[in-house]
Amino acid sequence: MTDNDFKNIEDIQRILKYLDKGKLDVDSWTNALKLKESLDKLIEEHKEYDDHMKLHH
């Protein structure tokens, strides 16, 4: 992933935090939970890949 990818993920996480705090209309973001789960999975998979590359390369 690139630096731009990480910036985009941070922006999306900020939006999710605003939703959680009630600062955005939850009805407009009906798939927010799925989005959060996908981002968490993406970040975890990237961390595992990065750790693997550090150990084996």
PDB file of N, CA and C in Angstrom:
ATOM      1  N   MET A   1       0.849  -1.177   0.000  1.00  0.00           N
ATOM      2  CA  MET A   1       0.000   0.000   0.000  1.00  0.00           C
ATOM      3  C   MET A   1       0.894   1.238   0.000  1.00  0.00           C
ATOM      4  N   THR A   2       0.370   2.279  -0.586  1.00  0.00           N
ATOM      5  CA  THR A   2       1.130   3.519  -0.678  1.00  0.00           C
ATOM      6  C   THR A   2       0.761   4.462   0.459  1.00  0.00           C
ATOM      7  N   ASP A   3       1.526   5.533   0.580  1.00  0.00           N
ATOM      8  CA  ASP A   3       1.207   6.558   1.579  1.00  0.00           C
ATOM      9  C   ASP A   3      -0.184   7.135   1.335  1.00  0.00           C
ATOM     10  N   ASN A   4      -0.553   7.278   0.070  1.00  0.00           N
ATOM     11  CA  ASN A   4      -1.877   7.800  -0.269  1.00  0.00           C
ATOM     12  C   ASN A   4      -2.981   6.847   0.199  1.00  0.00           C
ATOM     13  N   ASP A   5      -2.732   5.533   0.076  1.00  0.00           N
ATOM     14  CA  ASP A   5      -3.695   4.544   0.561  1.00  0.00           C
ATOM     15  C   ASP A   5      -3.918   4.705   2.061  1.00  0.00           C
ATOM     16  N   PHE A   6      -2.811   4.863   2.794  1.00  0.00           N
ATOM     17  CA  PHE A   6      -2.930   5.028   4.244  1.00  0.00           C
ATOM     18  C   PHE A   6      -3.655   6.328   4.598  1.00  0.00           C
ATOM     19  N   LYS A   7      -3.420   7.382   3.846  1.00  0.00           N
ATOM     20  CA  LYS A   7      -4.128   8.638   4.085  1.00  0.00           C
ATOM     21  C   LYS A   7      -5.620   8.448   3.851  1.00  0.00           C
ATOM     22  N   ASN A   8      -5.977   7.743   2.788  1.00  0.00           N
ATOM     23  CA  ASN A   8      -7.385   7.484   2.497  1.00  0.00           C
ATOM     24  C   ASN A   8      -8.031   6.658   3.610  1.00  0.00           C
ATOM     25  N   ILE A   9      -7.324   5.666   4.106  1.00  0.00           N
ATOM     26  CA  ILE A   9      -7.840   4.849   5.201  1.00  0.00           C
ATOM     27  C   ILE A   9      -8.050   5.702   6.448  1.00  0.00           C
ATOM     28  N   GLU A  10      -7.098   6.576   6.740  1.00  0.00           N
ATOM     29  CA  GLU A  10      -7.249   7.467   7.894  1.00  0.00           C
ATOM     30  C   GLU A  10      -8.464   8.381   7.725  1.00  0.00           C
ATOM     31  N   ASP A  11      -8.684   8.871   6.512  1.00  0.00           N
ATOM     32  CA  ASP A  11      -9.856   9.722   6.253  1.00  0.00           C
ATOM     33  C   ASP A  11     -11.153   8.952   6.481  1.00  0.00           C
ATOM     34  N   ILE A  12     -11.191   7.711   6.015  1.00  0.00           N
ATOM     35  CA  ILE A  12     -12.385   6.884   6.195  1.00  0.00           C
ATOM     36  C   ILE A  12     -12.591   6.581   7.673  1.00  0.00           C
ATOM     37  N   GLN A  13     -11.513   6.289   8.387  1.00  0.00           N
ATOM     38  CA  GLN A  13     -11.634   6.021   9.820  1.00  0.00           C
ATOM     39  C   GLN A  13     -12.148   7.261  10.559  1.00  0.00           C
ATOM     40  N   ARG A  14     -11.745   8.433  10.122  1.00  0.00           N
ATOM     41  CA  ARG A  14     -12.232   9.671  10.731  1.00  0.00           C
ATOM     42  C   ARG A  14     -13.740   9.803  10.511  1.00  0.00           C
ATOM     43  N   ILE A  15     -14.198   9.484   9.313  1.00  0.00           N
ATOM     44  CA  ILE A  15     -15.634   9.521   9.024  1.00  0.00           C
ATOM     45  C   ILE A  15     -16.379   8.546   9.932  1.00  0.00           C
ATOM     46  N   LEU A  16     -15.834   7.343  10.085  1.00  0.00           N
ATOM     47  CA  LEU A  16     -16.474   6.346  10.951  1.00  0.00           C
ATOM     48  C   LEU A  16     -16.531   6.817  12.398  1.00  0.00           C
ATOM     49  N   LYS A  17     -15.489   7.508  12.841  1.00  0.00           N
ATOM     50  CA  LYS A  17     -15.485   8.047  14.205  1.00  0.00           C
ATOM     51  C   LYS A  17     -16.578   9.106  14.358  1.00  0.00           C
ATOM     52  N   TYR A  18     -16.733   9.965  13.341  1.00  0.00           N
ATOM     53  CA  TYR A  18     -17.798  10.972  13.380  1.00  0.00           C
ATOM     54  C   TYR A  18     -19.171  10.317  13.431  1.00  0.00           C
ATOM     55  N   LEU A  19     -19.341   9.233  12.681  1.00  0.00           N
ATOM     56  CA  LEU A  19     -20.602   8.495  12.727  1.00  0.00           C
ATOM     57  C   LEU A  19     -20.852   7.960  14.129  1.00  0.00           C
ATOM     58  N   ASP A  20     -19.828   7.384  14.725  1.00  0.00           N
ATOM     59  CA  ASP A  20     -19.945   6.807  16.065  1.00  0.00           C
ATOM     60  C   ASP A  20     -20.308   7.865  17.095  1.00  0.00           C
ATOM     61  N   LYS A  21     -19.796   9.079  16.927  1.00  0.00           N
ATOM     62  CA  LYS A  21     -20.083  10.164  17.871  1.00  0.00           C
ATOM     63  C   LYS A  21     -21.400  10.877  17.556  1.00  0.00           C
ATOM     64  N   GLY A  22     -22.078  10.464  16.480  1.00  0.00           N
ATOM     65  CA  GLY A  22     -23.357  11.069  16.132  1.00  0.00           C
ATOM     66  C   GLY A  22     -23.237  12.390  15.396  1.00  0.00           C
ATOM     67  N   LYS A  23     -22.057  12.680  14.853  1.00  0.00           N
ATOM     68  CA  LYS A  23     -21.856  13.943  14.148  1.00  0.00           C
ATOM     69  C   LYS A  23     -22.266  13.854  12.679  1.00  0.00           C
ATOM     70  N   LEU A  24     -22.519  12.641  12.187  1.00  0.00           N
ATOM     71  CA  LEU A  24     -23.003  12.438  10.821  1.00  0.00           C
ATOM     72  C   LEU A  24     -24.274  11.598  10.877  1.00  0.00           C
ATOM     73  N   ASP A  25     -25.095  11.726   9.865  1.00  0.00           N
ATOM     74  CA  ASP A  25     -26.359  11.000   9.789  1.00  0.00           C
ATOM     75  C   ASP A  25     -26.100   9.521   9.489  1.00  0.00           C
ATOM     76  N   VAL A  26     -26.379   8.670  10.448  1.00  0.00           N
ATOM     77  CA  VAL A  26     -26.129   7.239  10.311  1.00  0.00           C
ATOM     78  C   VAL A  26     -26.950   6.646   9.170  1.00  0.00           C
ATOM     79  N   ASP A  27     -28.145   7.170   8.938  1.00  0.00           N
ATOM     80  CA  ASP A  27     -28.989   6.638   7.874  1.00  0.00           C
ATOM     81  C   ASP A  27     -28.346   6.818   6.500  1.00  0.00           C
ATOM     82  N   SER A  28     -27.490   7.791   6.357  1.00  0.00           N
ATOM     83  CA  SER A  28     -26.805   8.024   5.083  1.00  0.00           C
ATOM     84  C   SER A  28     -25.615   7.079   4.902  1.00  0.00           C
ATOM     85  N   TRP A  29     -25.244   6.394   5.966  1.00  0.00           N
ATOM     86  CA  TRP A  29     -24.083   5.515   5.947  1.00  0.00           C
ATOM     87  C   TRP A  29     -24.491   4.123   6.421  1.00  0.00           C
ATOM     88  N   THR A  30     -25.430   3.527   5.727  1.00  0.00           N
ATOM     89  CA  THR A  30     -25.996   2.248   6.178  1.00  0.00           C
ATOM     90  C   THR A  30     -24.977   1.110   6.200  1.00  0.00           C
ATOM     91  N   ASN A  31     -23.936   1.201   5.402  1.00  0.00           N
ATOM     92  CA  ASN A  31     -22.936   0.129   5.356  1.00  0.00           C
ATOM     93  C   ASN A  31     -21.684   0.470   6.145  1.00  0.00           C
ATOM     94  N   ALA A  32     -21.782   1.385   7.074  1.00  0.00           N
ATOM     95  CA  ALA A  32     -20.610   1.843   7.827  1.00  0.00           C
ATOM     96  C   ALA A  32     -19.940   0.700   8.590  1.00  0.00           C
ATOM     97  N   LEU A  33     -20.723  -0.180   9.173  1.00  0.00           N
ATOM     98  CA  LEU A  33     -20.134  -1.286   9.937  1.00  0.00           C
ATOM     99  C   LEU A  33     -19.341  -2.212   9.017  1.00  0.00           C
ATOM    100  N   LYS A  34     -19.902  -2.530   7.846  1.00  0.00           N
ATOM    101  CA  LYS A  34     -19.187  -3.373   6.891  1.00  0.00           C
ATOM    102  C   LYS A  34     -17.918  -2.680   6.416  1.00  0.00           C
ATOM    103  N   LEU A  35     -17.995  -1.384   6.213  1.00  0.00           N
ATOM    104  CA  LEU A  35     -16.823  -0.623   5.798  1.00  0.00           C
ATOM    105  C   LEU A  35     -15.739  -0.694   6.869  1.00  0.00           C
ATOM    106  N   LYS A  36     -16.131  -0.521   8.115  1.00  0.00           N
ATOM    107  CA  LYS A  36     -15.155  -0.588   9.216  1.00  0.00           C
ATOM    108  C   LYS A  36     -14.521  -1.975   9.290  1.00  0.00           C
ATOM    109  N   GLU A  37     -15.329  -3.016   9.164  1.00  0.00           N
ATOM    110  CA  GLU A  37     -14.808  -4.372   9.208  1.00  0.00           C
ATOM    111  C   GLU A  37     -13.838  -4.620   8.052  1.00  0.00           C
ATOM    112  N   SER A  38     -14.164  -4.117   6.874  1.00  0.00           N
ATOM    113  CA  SER A  38     -13.290  -4.280   5.717  1.00  0.00           C
ATOM    114  C   SER A  38     -11.964  -3.553   5.922  1.00  0.00           C
ATOM    115  N   LEU A  39     -12.029  -2.340   6.450  1.00  0.00           N
ATOM    116  CA  LEU A  39     -10.804  -1.585   6.703  1.00  0.00           C
ATOM    117  C   LEU A  39      -9.936  -2.280   7.748  1.00  0.00           C
ATOM    118  N   ASP A  40     -10.561  -2.763   8.811  1.00  0.00           N
ATOM    119  CA  ASP A  40      -9.812  -3.476   9.850  1.00  0.00           C
ATOM    120  C   ASP A  40      -9.115  -4.701   9.258  1.00  0.00           C
ATOM    121  N   LYS A  41      -9.842  -5.431   8.411  1.00  0.00           N
ATOM    122  CA  LYS A  41      -9.272  -6.611   7.778  1.00  0.00           C
ATOM    123  C   LYS A  41      -8.122  -6.226   6.848  1.00  0.00           C
ATOM    124  N   LEU A  42      -8.311  -5.180   6.053  1.00  0.00           N
ATOM    125  CA  LEU A  42      -7.270  -4.718   5.145  1.00  0.00           C
ATOM    126  C   LEU A  42      -6.007  -4.320   5.906  1.00  0.00           C
ATOM    127  N   ILE A  43      -6.172  -3.567   6.977  1.00  0.00           N
ATOM    128  CA  ILE A  43      -5.033  -3.121   7.775  1.00  0.00           C
ATOM    129  C   ILE A  43      -4.327  -4.323   8.407  1.00  0.00           C
ATOM    130  N   GLU A  44      -5.082  -5.266   8.925  1.00  0.00           N
ATOM    131  CA  GLU A  44      -4.493  -6.455   9.537  1.00  0.00           C
ATOM    132  C   GLU A  44      -3.740  -7.288   8.507  1.00  0.00           C
ATOM    133  N   GLU A  45      -4.323  -7.478   7.324  1.00  0.00           N
ATOM    134  CA  GLU A  45      -3.655  -8.258   6.286  1.00  0.00           C
ATOM    135  C   GLU A  45      -2.370  -7.568   5.833  1.00  0.00           C
ATOM    136  N   HIS A  46      -2.414  -6.266   5.727  1.00  0.00           N
ATOM    137  CA  HIS A  46      -1.208  -5.538   5.335  1.00  0.00           C
ATOM    138  C   HIS A  46      -0.132  -5.657   6.405  1.00  0.00           C
ATOM    139  N   LYS A  47      -0.533  -5.587   7.655  1.00  0.00           N
ATOM    140  CA  LYS A  47       0.432  -5.729   8.760  1.00  0.00           C
ATOM    141  C   LYS A  47       1.064  -7.117   8.725  1.00  0.00           C
ATOM    142  N   GLU A  48       0.246  -8.150   8.492  1.00  0.00           N
ATOM    143  CA  GLU A  48       0.775  -9.506   8.415  1.00  0.00           C
ATOM    144  C   GLU A  48       1.756  -9.639   7.247  1.00  0.00           C
ATOM    145  N   TYR A  49       1.404  -9.067   6.106  1.00  0.00           N
ATOM    146  CA  TYR A  49       2.276  -9.094   4.934  1.00  0.00           C
ATOM    147  C   TYR A  49       3.584  -8.364   5.226  1.00  0.00           C
ATOM    148  N   ASP A  50       3.469  -7.195   5.814  1.00  0.00           N
ATOM    149  CA  ASP A  50       4.646  -6.396   6.138  1.00  0.00           C
ATOM    150  C   ASP A  50       5.551  -7.149   7.117  1.00  0.00           C
ATOM    151  N   ASP A  51       4.961  -7.739   8.145  1.00  0.00           N
ATOM    152  CA  ASP A  51       5.736  -8.523   9.109  1.00  0.00           C
ATOM    153  C   ASP A  51       6.419  -9.723   8.427  1.00  0.00           C
ATOM    154  N   HIS A  52       5.695 -10.382   7.541  1.00  0.00           N
ATOM    155  CA  HIS A  52       6.250 -11.516   6.801  1.00  0.00           C
ATOM    156  C   HIS A  52       7.448 -11.070   5.963  1.00  0.00           C
ATOM    157  N   MET A  53       7.303  -9.954   5.264  1.00  0.00           N
ATOM    158  CA  MET A  53       8.391  -9.456   4.427  1.00  0.00           C
ATOM    159  C   MET A  53       9.619  -9.081   5.255  1.00  0.00           C
ATOM    160  N   LYS A  54       9.399  -8.548   6.434  1.00  0.00           N
ATOM    161  CA  LYS A  54      10.511  -8.191   7.304  1.00  0.00           C
ATOM    162  C   LYS A  54      11.261  -9.424   7.801  1.00  0.00           C
ATOM    163  N   LEU A  55      10.536 -10.501   8.042  1.00  0.00           N
ATOM    164  CA  LEU A  55      11.157 -11.717   8.562  1.00  0.00           C
ATOM    165  C   LEU A  55      11.875 -12.534   7.482  1.00  0.00           C
ATOM    166  N   HIS A  56      11.338 -12.541   6.290  1.00  0.00           N
ATOM    167  CA  HIS A  56      11.823 -13.464   5.276  1.00  0.00           C
ATOM    168  C   HIS A  56      12.570 -12.821   4.122  1.00  0.00           C
ATOM    169  N   HIS A  57      12.663 -11.517   4.118  1.00  0.00           N
ATOM    170  CA  HIS A  57      13.312 -10.873   2.970  1.00  0.00           C
ATOM    171  C   HIS A  57      14.287  -9.824   3.378  1.00  0.00           C
TER     172      HIS A  57
END
